[in-house]
């Protein structure tokens, strides 16, 4: 679990877009 917060943020943004 050594992923940068920026990467996680981008992933969350993508997931949110897909949910919409």
Protein backbone atom coordinates (compact mmCIF):
# COMPACT_ATOMS: atom_id res chain seq x y z
CA UNK A 1 0.00 0.00 0.00
CA UNK A 2 2.64 2.53 -1.05
CA UNK A 3 0.49 4.41 -3.54
CA UNK A 4 0.73 8.19 -3.66
CA UNK A 5 -2.36 10.10 -2.54
CA UNK A 6 -2.50 11.80 -5.93
CA UNK A 7 -2.83 8.43 -7.62
CA UNK A 8 -5.60 7.35 -5.26
CA UNK A 9 -7.35 10.69 -5.82
CA UNK A 10 -7.28 10.14 -9.58
CA UNK A 11 -8.64 6.60 -9.13
CA UNK A 12 -11.46 7.85 -6.90
CA UNK A 13 -12.28 10.56 -9.43
CA UNK A 14 -12.53 7.97 -12.20
CA UNK A 15 -14.70 5.65 -10.09
CA UNK A 16 -17.00 8.54 -9.20
CA UNK A 17 -17.33 9.43 -12.87
CA UNK A 18 -18.24 5.81 -13.66
CA UNK A 19 -20.84 5.69 -10.89
CA UNK A 20 -22.48 8.83 -12.26
